[in-house]
Structure formats: C-alpha cells, structure tokens
N, C-alpha and C. Protein backbone atom coordinates (compact mmCIF):
# COMPACT_ATOMS: atom_id res chain seq x y z
N MET A 1 -77.42 78.60 -48.30
CA MET A 1 -76.82 79.78 -47.84
C MET A 1 -76.90 79.74 -46.30
N SER A 2 -76.23 80.27 -45.36
CA SER A 2 -75.93 79.82 -44.17
C SER A 2 -77.32 81.46 -43.50
N TYR A 3 -77.74 81.02 -42.80
CA TYR A 3 -78.87 82.13 -41.86
C TYR A 3 -80.19 81.56 -42.56
N THR A 4 -80.61 80.08 -43.01
CA THR A 4 -82.05 80.17 -42.93
C THR A 4 -82.14 79.55 -42.12
N TYR A 5 -84.00 79.62 -42.67
CA TYR A 5 -84.87 78.75 -41.05
C TYR A 5 -85.80 78.17 -41.77
N ALA A 6 -86.32 76.95 -41.05
CA ALA A 6 -87.67 76.10 -41.65
C ALA A 6 -88.54 76.72 -41.34
N TYR A 7 -88.39 77.98 -42.15
CA TYR A 7 -90.13 78.73 -41.75
C TYR A 7 -90.87 78.54 -42.90
N PRO A 8 -91.95 78.68 -42.84
CA PRO A 8 -92.98 79.29 -44.10
C PRO A 8 -92.70 80.49 -44.32
N ARG A 9 -92.39 80.52 -45.54
CA ARG A 9 -92.13 82.51 -45.84
C ARG A 9 -93.63 82.26 -46.67
N PRO A 10 -93.90 83.72 -46.46
CA PRO A 10 -95.26 84.11 -47.97
C PRO A 10 -94.55 84.85 -48.81
N ALA A 11 -95.51 85.16 -49.98
CA ALA A 11 -95.01 85.42 -51.47
C ALA A 11 -94.79 87.17 -51.45
N VAL A 12 -94.34 87.86 -51.73
CA VAL A 12 -94.74 89.00 -51.61
C VAL A 12 -94.90 89.57 -52.99
N THR A 13 -95.62 90.94 -53.14
CA THR A 13 -96.31 91.28 -54.24
C THR A 13 -96.56 92.77 -54.48
N VAL A 14 -96.66 93.23 -55.56
CA VAL A 14 -96.93 95.12 -55.44
C VAL A 14 -97.78 95.24 -56.25
N ASP A 15 -99.09 95.94 -55.89
CA ASP A 15 -100.43 96.59 -56.58
C ASP A 15 -100.01 98.08 -56.81
N ALA A 16 -100.09 98.39 -58.19
CA ALA A 16 -100.19 99.58 -58.82
C ALA A 16 -101.60 100.22 -58.73
N VAL A 17 -102.61 101.11 -58.01
CA VAL A 17 -103.15 102.34 -58.20
C VAL A 17 -103.48 103.33 -59.09
N ILE A 18 -103.81 103.50 -60.22
CA ILE A 18 -103.68 104.64 -61.33
C ILE A 18 -104.46 105.35 -61.42
N PHE A 19 -104.76 107.04 -61.29
CA PHE A 19 -105.92 107.42 -60.88
C PHE A 19 -105.48 108.18 -62.16
N ARG A 20 -106.78 108.58 -62.45
CA ARG A 20 -106.37 110.01 -63.32
C ARG A 20 -107.85 111.01 -63.42
N ILE A 21 -107.77 111.94 -63.68
CA ILE A 21 -109.07 113.09 -63.96
C ILE A 21 -109.12 113.32 -65.74
N ARG A 22 -110.66 112.93 -66.48
CA ARG A 22 -110.87 112.72 -67.16
C ARG A 22 -111.99 113.49 -67.74
N ASN A 23 -112.54 114.53 -67.85
CA ASN A 23 -113.75 115.35 -68.81
C ASN A 23 -114.20 115.59 -66.67
N HIS A 24 -113.73 115.59 -65.39
CA HIS A 24 -114.40 116.50 -64.24
C HIS A 24 -114.80 114.88 -64.06
N GLN A 25 -114.58 113.66 -64.31
CA GLN A 25 -114.09 112.44 -64.01
C GLN A 25 -113.30 111.36 -63.76
N ARG A 26 -113.45 110.66 -62.30
CA ARG A 26 -111.87 110.48 -61.47
C ARG A 26 -112.41 108.94 -61.90
N GLU A 27 -111.26 108.59 -62.22
CA GLU A 27 -110.91 107.05 -62.87
C GLU A 27 -109.54 106.12 -62.86
N VAL A 28 -109.60 104.21 -62.49
CA VAL A 28 -108.94 103.60 -62.15
C VAL A 28 -108.88 103.10 -63.41
N LEU A 29 -107.13 102.68 -63.34
CA LEU A 29 -106.93 101.83 -64.80
C LEU A 29 -107.16 100.11 -64.08
N LEU A 30 -108.05 99.90 -64.74
CA LEU A 30 -107.79 97.89 -64.84
C LEU A 30 -107.20 97.41 -65.30
N ILE A 31 -106.46 96.25 -65.08
CA ILE A 31 -106.84 95.02 -66.22
C ILE A 31 -107.42 93.93 -65.88
N GLU A 32 -107.44 93.27 -67.30
CA GLU A 32 -108.16 91.73 -67.12
C GLU A 32 -107.50 90.72 -67.00
N ARG A 33 -107.11 90.11 -65.89
CA ARG A 33 -106.11 88.63 -66.11
C ARG A 33 -107.05 88.16 -66.41
N ARG A 34 -105.63 87.49 -67.16
CA ARG A 34 -105.58 86.33 -68.73
C ARG A 34 -105.35 85.34 -67.96
N HIS A 35 -104.95 84.60 -66.79
CA HIS A 35 -104.72 83.71 -66.07
C HIS A 35 -105.13 83.24 -65.21
N PRO A 36 -105.67 81.95 -64.35
CA PRO A 36 -106.37 82.21 -63.32
C PRO A 36 -105.29 82.64 -61.84
N PRO A 37 -105.51 82.66 -61.13
CA PRO A 37 -106.92 82.46 -60.12
C PRO A 37 -107.49 83.33 -60.81
N PHE A 38 -109.39 84.18 -61.26
CA PHE A 38 -109.85 85.29 -60.92
C PHE A 38 -109.59 85.80 -62.73
N ARG A 39 -109.28 84.65 -63.79
CA ARG A 39 -108.70 84.36 -64.98
C ARG A 39 -110.82 86.25 -65.32
N HIS A 40 -110.12 86.16 -66.27
CA HIS A 40 -111.15 86.80 -67.00
C HIS A 40 -112.01 88.38 -66.13
N GLN A 41 -111.24 88.29 -65.40
CA GLN A 41 -111.32 89.50 -63.69
C GLN A 41 -111.08 90.38 -64.01
N TRP A 42 -111.61 91.46 -63.29
CA TRP A 42 -110.35 93.13 -63.46
C TRP A 42 -109.90 93.14 -61.86
N ALA A 43 -108.43 93.51 -62.27
CA ALA A 43 -107.95 93.96 -61.14
C ALA A 43 -107.06 94.88 -61.17
N LEU A 44 -106.10 95.31 -60.32
CA LEU A 44 -104.81 96.07 -60.51
C LEU A 44 -103.68 95.79 -61.63
N PRO A 45 -103.17 96.60 -62.05
CA PRO A 45 -101.99 96.12 -62.40
C PRO A 45 -100.89 95.74 -61.33
N GLY A 46 -100.32 94.35 -61.50
CA GLY A 46 -99.12 94.35 -60.39
C GLY A 46 -98.86 92.97 -60.48
N GLY A 47 -97.92 92.29 -59.58
CA GLY A 47 -97.21 91.15 -59.45
C GLY A 47 -96.25 90.74 -58.98
N PHE A 48 -95.78 90.07 -58.58
CA PHE A 48 -94.82 89.04 -57.62
C PHE A 48 -92.95 90.51 -57.75
N VAL A 49 -92.86 90.30 -56.63
CA VAL A 49 -91.14 90.85 -57.05
C VAL A 49 -90.44 90.16 -56.72
N ASP A 50 -89.66 90.42 -57.72
CA ASP A 50 -87.99 89.51 -58.01
C ASP A 50 -87.37 90.00 -57.11
N MET A 51 -86.62 88.47 -56.35
CA MET A 51 -85.95 88.68 -55.52
C MET A 51 -84.47 89.52 -55.56
N ASP A 52 -84.55 90.00 -56.35
CA ASP A 52 -83.16 91.20 -57.60
C ASP A 52 -83.85 92.45 -57.26
N GLU A 53 -84.93 92.96 -56.97
CA GLU A 53 -85.46 94.43 -56.75
C GLU A 53 -86.66 94.61 -55.46
N ASP A 54 -86.11 96.19 -55.69
CA ASP A 54 -86.85 96.53 -54.56
C ASP A 54 -88.47 96.54 -54.81
N LEU A 55 -89.38 96.83 -53.76
CA LEU A 55 -90.61 96.80 -54.51
C LEU A 55 -90.86 98.25 -55.01
N GLU A 56 -90.67 99.63 -55.35
CA GLU A 56 -91.22 100.83 -55.74
C GLU A 56 -90.62 100.14 -57.09
N THR A 57 -89.32 99.30 -57.75
CA THR A 57 -88.74 98.53 -58.73
C THR A 57 -89.78 97.80 -59.57
N ALA A 58 -90.34 97.40 -58.39
CA ALA A 58 -91.10 95.84 -59.30
C ALA A 58 -92.51 96.31 -59.40
N ALA A 59 -93.22 98.00 -58.57
CA ALA A 59 -94.46 98.27 -59.23
C ALA A 59 -94.90 98.97 -60.11
N GLY A 60 -93.15 99.59 -60.56
CA GLY A 60 -93.39 100.06 -61.69
C GLY A 60 -93.10 99.32 -62.98
N ARG A 61 -91.87 98.32 -62.88
CA ARG A 61 -91.71 97.13 -64.05
C ARG A 61 -93.63 96.17 -64.13
N GLU A 62 -94.07 96.16 -62.86
CA GLU A 62 -95.54 95.80 -63.25
C GLU A 62 -96.38 96.28 -63.85
N LEU A 63 -96.31 97.56 -64.15
CA LEU A 63 -97.52 98.77 -64.56
C LEU A 63 -96.96 98.66 -65.73
N GLU A 64 -95.69 98.57 -65.99
CA GLU A 64 -94.84 98.43 -67.60
C GLU A 64 -95.55 97.77 -68.21
N GLU A 65 -95.53 96.30 -68.10
CA GLU A 65 -95.37 94.94 -68.47
C GLU A 65 -97.19 95.23 -68.66
N GLU A 66 -97.62 95.34 -67.88
CA GLU A 66 -99.02 95.33 -68.11
C GLU A 66 -100.33 96.37 -68.27
N THR A 67 -99.52 97.32 -68.02
CA THR A 67 -100.58 98.21 -69.01
C THR A 67 -99.78 99.65 -70.24
N GLY A 68 -98.30 99.03 -69.93
CA GLY A 68 -97.20 100.10 -70.86
C GLY A 68 -97.50 101.98 -69.83
N LEU A 69 -97.47 101.71 -68.96
CA LEU A 69 -97.38 102.97 -68.43
C LEU A 69 -96.02 103.56 -68.07
N LYS A 70 -95.23 103.88 -68.14
CA LYS A 70 -94.12 104.40 -67.51
C LYS A 70 -93.17 105.85 -66.65
N HIS A 71 -92.61 106.15 -66.24
CA HIS A 71 -92.53 107.21 -65.31
C HIS A 71 -93.70 107.71 -64.61
N ILE A 72 -94.47 106.89 -63.96
CA ILE A 72 -95.78 107.39 -63.13
C ILE A 72 -94.70 107.56 -61.77
N LEU A 73 -95.35 108.58 -61.21
CA LEU A 73 -94.50 108.37 -59.77
C LEU A 73 -95.44 107.85 -59.11
N LEU A 74 -94.87 107.29 -57.96
CA LEU A 74 -95.60 105.93 -57.25
C LEU A 74 -95.33 106.54 -55.91
N HIS A 75 -95.96 105.91 -55.26
CA HIS A 75 -96.15 106.38 -53.90
C HIS A 75 -97.05 105.00 -53.36
N GLN A 76 -96.20 104.84 -52.31
CA GLN A 76 -95.97 103.58 -51.58
C GLN A 76 -97.62 103.98 -49.87
N PHE A 77 -98.39 103.36 -50.23
CA PHE A 77 -99.47 104.19 -49.37
C PHE A 77 -99.96 102.61 -47.91
N HIS A 78 -99.86 101.41 -48.39
CA HIS A 78 -100.34 100.93 -47.31
C HIS A 78 -99.74 98.24 -47.86
N ALA A 79 -99.74 98.37 -46.90
CA ALA A 79 -99.63 96.45 -46.76
C ALA A 79 -100.90 95.65 -46.88
N PHE A 80 -100.92 95.19 -47.23
CA PHE A 80 -102.45 94.18 -46.85
C PHE A 80 -101.79 92.98 -46.97
N GLY A 81 -101.91 92.20 -46.09
CA GLY A 81 -101.73 90.95 -46.10
C GLY A 81 -102.78 90.04 -45.16
N ALA A 82 -104.16 89.85 -44.33
CA ALA A 82 -105.00 89.41 -44.59
C ALA A 82 -104.26 87.74 -45.26
N PRO A 83 -105.06 86.47 -44.12
CA PRO A 83 -104.77 85.58 -44.86
C PRO A 83 -105.59 85.06 -45.75
N GLY A 84 -105.51 84.70 -46.79
CA GLY A 84 -106.53 84.41 -48.06
C GLY A 84 -106.86 85.34 -49.45
N ARG A 85 -106.41 86.28 -48.48
CA ARG A 85 -106.17 87.03 -49.62
C ARG A 85 -106.14 86.80 -51.18
N ASP A 86 -105.09 85.51 -51.96
CA ASP A 86 -104.49 85.06 -52.69
C ASP A 86 -104.73 83.67 -52.75
N PRO A 87 -106.02 83.05 -53.21
CA PRO A 87 -105.88 81.84 -53.21
C PRO A 87 -104.43 80.55 -53.45
N ARG A 88 -103.79 80.90 -53.91
CA ARG A 88 -102.60 80.68 -54.38
C ARG A 88 -101.85 79.75 -53.40
N HIS A 89 -101.90 80.97 -52.60
CA HIS A 89 -100.75 80.63 -51.50
C HIS A 89 -100.80 82.53 -50.66
N ARG A 90 -100.47 82.18 -49.56
CA ARG A 90 -99.90 83.04 -48.44
C ARG A 90 -98.91 84.44 -49.21
N THR A 91 -99.84 85.72 -48.78
CA THR A 91 -99.42 86.09 -50.61
C THR A 91 -99.55 88.11 -48.87
N ILE A 92 -98.43 88.31 -49.00
CA ILE A 92 -98.06 89.64 -48.70
C ILE A 92 -98.06 91.14 -49.89
N SER A 93 -99.31 92.33 -50.05
CA SER A 93 -99.06 92.82 -50.82
C SER A 93 -98.76 94.24 -50.75
N VAL A 94 -97.19 95.09 -51.84
CA VAL A 94 -97.44 96.04 -50.62
C VAL A 94 -97.77 97.17 -51.90
N ALA A 95 -98.85 98.12 -51.57
CA ALA A 95 -99.33 99.24 -52.80
C ALA A 95 -98.64 99.96 -52.89
N TYR A 96 -99.01 100.76 -54.02
CA TYR A 96 -98.80 102.02 -54.61
C TYR A 96 -99.72 102.69 -55.18
N TRP A 97 -99.92 104.17 -54.78
CA TRP A 97 -101.14 104.32 -56.01
C TRP A 97 -100.19 105.78 -56.80
N GLY A 98 -100.73 106.34 -57.98
CA GLY A 98 -100.03 107.10 -58.70
C GLY A 98 -100.62 107.78 -59.51
N GLU A 99 -100.63 108.79 -60.09
CA GLU A 99 -101.63 109.32 -60.57
C GLU A 99 -101.05 109.69 -62.01
N LEU A 100 -101.87 109.95 -63.15
CA LEU A 100 -101.56 110.21 -64.44
C LEU A 100 -101.88 111.55 -64.64
N GLU A 101 -100.87 112.43 -65.27
CA GLU A 101 -100.82 113.74 -65.39
C GLU A 101 -101.40 114.50 -66.80
N THR A 102 -100.42 113.29 -67.45
CA THR A 102 -100.42 113.71 -68.87
C THR A 102 -100.81 112.31 -70.02
N SER A 103 -101.11 112.47 -71.17
CA SER A 103 -101.52 111.63 -71.89
C SER A 103 -100.21 110.33 -72.77
N GLN A 104 -100.63 109.29 -71.60
CA GLN A 104 -100.12 107.80 -72.46
C GLN A 104 -101.36 107.43 -72.93
N PRO A 105 -100.94 106.71 -74.23
CA PRO A 105 -101.64 105.04 -74.32
C PRO A 105 -101.40 104.25 -73.19
N ILE A 106 -102.70 103.50 -73.59
CA ILE A 106 -102.42 102.18 -72.47
C ILE A 106 -102.39 100.96 -73.54
N ARG A 107 -101.88 99.89 -73.38
CA ARG A 107 -101.97 98.53 -74.04
C ARG A 107 -101.76 97.76 -72.85
N ALA A 108 -102.77 96.18 -73.40
CA ALA A 108 -102.53 95.34 -72.22
C ALA A 108 -101.47 94.52 -72.62
N GLY A 109 -100.59 93.96 -71.47
CA GLY A 109 -99.37 92.85 -72.28
C GLY A 109 -98.93 92.02 -71.06
N ASP A 110 -97.76 91.42 -70.83
CA ASP A 110 -98.11 90.55 -70.15
C ASP A 110 -99.19 89.48 -69.85
N ASP A 111 -99.01 89.32 -68.54
CA ASP A 111 -100.23 88.57 -67.91
C ASP A 111 -101.97 89.43 -67.78
N ALA A 112 -101.87 90.27 -68.94
CA ALA A 112 -102.71 91.18 -68.82
C ALA A 112 -104.04 91.42 -70.17
N GLN A 113 -104.84 90.66 -69.89
CA GLN A 113 -105.58 90.99 -71.45
C GLN A 113 -106.16 91.60 -72.12
N LYS A 114 -106.53 92.40 -71.15
CA LYS A 114 -107.31 94.21 -71.80
C LYS A 114 -106.59 95.21 -69.99
N ALA A 115 -106.54 95.98 -70.60
CA ALA A 115 -106.10 97.26 -70.02
C ALA A 115 -107.53 98.54 -69.91
N GLN A 116 -107.79 99.11 -68.80
CA GLN A 116 -109.34 100.00 -69.21
C GLN A 116 -109.47 100.46 -68.09
N TRP A 117 -109.20 101.99 -68.28
CA TRP A 117 -109.89 103.26 -67.12
C TRP A 117 -111.34 102.52 -66.86
N PHE A 118 -111.99 102.92 -65.68
CA PHE A 118 -113.04 102.79 -65.06
C PHE A 118 -113.36 103.93 -64.62
N SER A 119 -114.44 104.33 -64.50
CA SER A 119 -115.14 105.52 -63.55
C SER A 119 -114.90 104.58 -62.31
N LEU A 120 -114.37 105.95 -61.49
CA LEU A 120 -114.64 105.46 -59.38
C LEU A 120 -115.79 104.91 -59.30
N ASP A 121 -116.65 105.56 -59.72
CA ASP A 121 -118.67 105.14 -59.02
C ASP A 121 -118.87 104.80 -59.95
N GLU A 122 -118.21 103.52 -61.23
CA GLU A 122 -119.24 102.30 -61.64
C GLU A 122 -117.86 101.73 -61.98
N LEU A 123 -117.56 101.03 -60.97
CA LEU A 123 -116.31 99.70 -60.52
C LEU A 123 -116.54 98.84 -61.14
N PRO A 124 -116.13 97.70 -61.51
CA PRO A 124 -116.65 96.17 -61.97
C PRO A 124 -115.97 95.53 -60.64
N LYS A 125 -116.21 94.35 -60.63
CA LYS A 125 -116.41 93.18 -59.69
C LYS A 125 -114.86 93.15 -59.40
N THR A 126 -113.78 93.40 -58.94
CA THR A 126 -112.31 93.10 -59.04
C THR A 126 -111.91 91.90 -58.29
N ALA A 127 -110.83 91.61 -58.45
CA ALA A 127 -110.51 89.89 -58.54
C ALA A 127 -109.71 90.03 -56.66
N PHE A 128 -109.05 89.14 -56.00
CA PHE A 128 -108.57 89.63 -55.03
C PHE A 128 -108.99 90.08 -53.29
N ASP A 129 -108.87 91.36 -53.07
CA ASP A 129 -109.14 92.09 -51.83
C ASP A 129 -108.74 93.84 -52.71
N HIS A 130 -109.02 93.69 -54.04
CA HIS A 130 -108.97 95.19 -54.42
C HIS A 130 -109.74 96.52 -54.88
N GLU A 131 -111.09 95.94 -54.79
CA GLU A 131 -111.84 96.33 -54.10
C GLU A 131 -111.03 97.64 -52.71
N GLU A 132 -110.56 96.85 -51.95
CA GLU A 132 -110.50 97.28 -49.91
C GLU A 132 -109.30 98.51 -50.76
N ILE A 133 -108.41 97.63 -51.81
CA ILE A 133 -107.17 98.50 -51.97
C ILE A 133 -107.30 99.96 -52.55
N ILE A 134 -108.39 99.89 -53.34
CA ILE A 134 -108.67 101.37 -54.46
C ILE A 134 -109.44 101.72 -54.08
N ALA A 135 -109.99 101.56 -52.66
CA ALA A 135 -110.75 102.61 -51.80
C ALA A 135 -109.70 103.47 -50.28
N LEU A 136 -108.99 102.61 -49.87
CA LEU A 136 -107.70 103.36 -49.69
C LEU A 136 -106.29 103.80 -50.24
N ALA A 137 -106.87 103.69 -51.25
CA ALA A 137 -105.57 104.17 -52.63
C ALA A 137 -106.33 105.71 -52.83
N GLN A 138 -107.64 105.40 -53.42
CA GLN A 138 -108.83 106.96 -53.39
C GLN A 138 -108.61 107.68 -52.10
N SER A 139 -108.53 107.16 -51.00
CA SER A 139 -108.38 107.95 -49.54
C SER A 139 -106.84 108.46 -49.75
N ALA A 140 -106.30 107.96 -49.63
CA ALA A 140 -104.76 108.70 -50.27
C ALA A 140 -104.81 109.84 -50.96
N TRP A 141 -104.97 109.26 -52.02
CA TRP A 141 -105.10 110.53 -53.64
C TRP A 141 -105.84 111.83 -52.78
N MET A 142 -107.03 111.83 -52.72
CA MET A 142 -107.99 112.45 -52.38
C MET A 142 -107.64 113.88 -51.42
N GLN A 143 -106.55 113.26 -50.94
CA GLN A 143 -105.68 113.93 -49.45
C GLN A 143 -104.54 114.79 -50.02
N THR A 144 -103.96 114.28 -51.20
CA THR A 144 -103.34 115.22 -52.24
C THR A 144 -104.11 116.25 -52.71
N GLN A 145 -105.27 116.36 -53.10
CA GLN A 145 -106.19 117.43 -54.24
C GLN A 145 -106.38 118.42 -53.78
C-alpha cells in the first residue's frame, strides 16, 4: 500500500444501545458475553468494524448477529475513546441508540451467550465503559420523547 505509516492504529468498534418502553418501564437490551474479556458479563451489542463496511452498517450487523433484531433505526450519538476502556488494545467505539417500537423477538447469537431486556432503573454491572454509554444514550433518547 502506498501512503502507509509506521504509526500505531486503534481498533474501531460500534455499540448499539436499544431502548423500549414496556408496561410504562424504560428498558435497554444487553447481551451476556460469551468470550473474554468480561466473559459472562452483560454488555451492549456491538463489535469490530470490518474493513469494507461503514459504521452504521457495522452497528446494524452486530445488532442482528448478537440479538436477532433487524431494521432498527440507529442514531449515532457519541464516540468513546478513553485509553484503557478495552483491556485487549486501544479501541475507539462509535455508539448508536435506537428504539424498538414494534414487537420483535430477541435471540442471542454469535458471541452473545444471552440477550435480555433490563429496566433502566435496575441495570446489572456492565463490561467495558458501557454504563457510561447507556447513560449518555438515555439522555439522547429522552430528548426525543
């Protein structure tokens, strides 16, 4: 390749924060991680961006692979890039939020062991910096309500 540099590059990931309102309760969708790091901990659906896809496509693909959800309108709201947020290596994540407005079944797949809805008032401990991501996404979502 021409125009390459001997300079370290971070990995790029996407995270999807999916909300719904059920029985007047605000909920968020989390997956239980199948693999380390944070194996068996709850996290947002997401993962690495492939070299041949754009960010929104990657977010939709990861959401479908890990939860079975399709055709969710996603809104990019923030990038997270604090050093050390991922113990594997330097990772920058572009985060999206969406709202499930129709009934769609969820099913865990790919590297998600489980997929489950949680009340925003009773969240489990989450992997990486996903508590921070959920809080910022909730703020963005609430502005549209």
